[in-house]
C-alpha atoms as a PDB file:
ATOM      1  CA  SER A   1       0.817 -43.661  52.733  1.00  0.00           C
ATOM      2  CA  GLU A   2      -0.485 -41.589  55.698  1.00  0.00           C
ATOM      3  CA  SER A   3      -3.343 -40.235  53.483  1.00  0.00           C
ATOM      4  CA  GLN A   4      -6.734 -40.151  55.853  1.00  0.00           C
ATOM      5  CA  THR A   5      -8.871 -39.745  52.671  1.00  0.00           C
ATOM      6  CA  ALA A   6     -10.090 -41.918  49.751  1.00  0.00           C
ATOM      7  CA  ILE A   7      -7.414 -40.999  47.414  1.00  0.00           C
ATOM      8  CA  GLN A   8      -4.353 -42.935  48.218  1.00  0.00           C
ATOM      9  CA  PRO A   9      -1.191 -42.076  46.511  1.00  0.00           C
ATOM     10  CA  VAL A  10       1.749 -44.450  45.353  1.00  0.00           C
ATOM     11  CA  MET A  11       4.701 -42.586  45.021  1.00  0.00           C
ATOM     12  CA  ILE A  12       6.632 -43.648  41.749  1.00  0.00           C
ATOM     13  CA  GLY A  13       9.037 -40.578  41.421  1.00  0.00           C
ATOM     14  CA  ASP A  14       9.748 -41.023  37.455  1.00  0.00           C
ATOM     15  CA  ALA A  15       6.795 -40.089  35.188  1.00  0.00           C
ATOM     16  CA  LYS A  16       7.851 -42.430  32.590  1.00  0.00           C
ATOM     17  CA  THR A  17       7.359 -45.568  35.030  1.00  0.00           C
ATOM     18  CA  ALA A  18       4.316 -44.050  36.657  1.00  0.00           C
ATOM     19  CA  VAL A  19       2.332 -43.768  32.993  1.00  0.00           C
ATOM     20  CA  SER A  20       3.965 -47.436  32.393  1.00  0.00           C
ATOM     21  CA  ILE A  21       2.541 -49.077  35.423  1.00  0.00           C
ATOM     22  CA  SER A  22      -0.576 -47.013  35.026  1.00  0.00           C
ATOM     23  CA  GLY A  23      -1.080 -48.713  31.557  1.00  0.00           C
ATOM     24  CA  GLN A  24      -0.397 -51.988  32.783  1.00  0.00           C
ATOM     25  CA  LEU A  25      -3.005 -51.546  35.449  1.00  0.00           C
ATOM     26  CA  LEU A  26      -5.478 -50.694  32.908  1.00  0.00           C
ATOM     27  CA  ALA A  27      -4.462 -53.746  31.026  1.00  0.00           C
ATOM     28  CA  LYS A  28      -5.447 -55.572  34.252  1.00  0.00           C
ATOM     29  CA  GLY A  29      -8.793 -53.921  34.154  1.00  0.00           C
ATOM     30  CA  LEU A  30      -7.854 -51.281  36.989  1.00  0.00           C
ATOM     31  CA  LEU A  31      -8.373 -47.607  36.008  1.00  0.00           C
ATOM     32  CA  ILE A  32      -5.439 -46.201  38.429  1.00  0.00           C
ATOM     33  CA  THR A  33      -4.463 -42.678  36.710  1.00  0.00           C
ATOM     34  CA  ALA A  34      -0.723 -41.840  36.590  1.00  0.00           C
ATOM     35  CA  ILE A  35      -0.123 -38.142  38.124  1.00  0.00           C
ATOM     36  CA  ARG A  36       2.978 -36.620  36.657  1.00  0.00           C
ATOM     37  CA  PRO A  37       4.609 -32.951  36.223  1.00  0.00           C
ATOM     38  CA  PRO A  38       3.326 -30.514  35.620  1.00  0.00           C
ATOM     39  CA  THR A  39       0.670 -31.427  38.397  1.00  0.00           C
ATOM     40  CA  VAL A  40       3.282 -32.557  40.862  1.00  0.00           C
ATOM     41  CA  PRO A  41       6.754 -31.385  41.154  1.00  0.00           C
ATOM     42  CA  GLU A  42       9.501 -33.106  38.664  1.00  0.00           C
ATOM     43  CA  GLY A  43      10.758 -36.340  40.489  1.00  0.00           C
ATOM     44  CA  THR A  44       7.242 -36.907  42.483  1.00  0.00           C
ATOM     45  CA  ALA A  45       4.965 -38.601  39.745  1.00  0.00           C
ATOM     46  CA  ARG A  46       2.708 -41.321  41.632  1.00  0.00           C
ATOM     47  CA  LEU A  47      -0.457 -43.312  41.028  1.00  0.00           C
ATOM     48  CA  ARG A  48      -3.797 -42.052  42.492  1.00  0.00           C
ATOM     49  CA  ILE A  49      -5.967 -44.428  43.716  1.00  0.00           C
ATOM     50  CA  THR A  50      -9.401 -43.489  44.561  1.00  0.00           C
ATOM     51  CA  LEU A  51     -11.076 -46.010  47.196  1.00  0.00           C
ATOM     52  CA  SER A  52     -14.776 -46.097  48.167  1.00  0.00           C
ATOM     53  CA  ALA A  53     -17.055 -47.933  50.394  1.00  0.00           C
ATOM     54  CA  ALA A  54     -18.684 -49.536  47.093  1.00  0.00           C
ATOM     55  CA  HIS A  55     -15.473 -51.556  46.749  1.00  0.00           C
ATOM     56  CA  LYS A  56     -15.615 -54.807  47.616  1.00  0.00           C
ATOM     57  CA  HIS A  57     -12.610 -57.174  49.773  1.00  0.00           C
ATOM     58  CA  ALA A  58     -12.073 -59.119  46.351  1.00  0.00           C
ATOM     59  CA  GLN A  59     -11.720 -55.949  44.218  1.00  0.00           C
ATOM     60  CA  ILE A  60      -9.133 -54.541  46.979  1.00  0.00           C
ATOM     61  CA  ASP A  61      -7.168 -57.903  46.708  1.00  0.00           C
ATOM     62  CA  LYS A  62      -6.934 -57.451  42.836  1.00  0.00           C
ATOM     63  CA  LEU A  63      -5.560 -54.127  43.073  1.00  0.00           C
ATOM     64  CA  VAL A  64      -2.629 -55.001  45.669  1.00  0.00           C
ATOM     65  CA  SER A  65      -2.183 -58.012  43.588  1.00  0.00           C
ATOM     66  CA  ALA A  66      -1.794 -55.733  40.547  1.00  0.00           C
ATOM     67  CA  LEU A  67       0.415 -53.724  41.982  1.00  0.00           C
ATOM     68  CA  ASP A  68       2.680 -56.400  43.562  1.00  0.00           C
ATOM     69  CA  ALA A  69       2.761 -57.449  39.968  1.00  0.00           C
ATOM     70  CA  VAL A  70       3.868 -54.311  38.305  1.00  0.00           C
ATOM     71  CA  ARG A  71       5.852 -53.004  40.615  1.00  0.00           C
ATOM     72  CA  PRO A  72       9.242 -52.032  39.172  1.00  0.00           C
END
């Protein structure tokens, strides 16, 4: 997204799908939270990725690969 902050949303839409993807990522060792209603409007569920300068390139690569593998 166009976010300029450490928090990067990955829009999923469906809340059940967002929770499922979050669980699949956790099984791969990645804690990526599903944000869903009522926190966000219905139909706009998303994953919340929080990046920091402490993350290594290998960790970011693992995240990108894992996201690609669980993409609906």
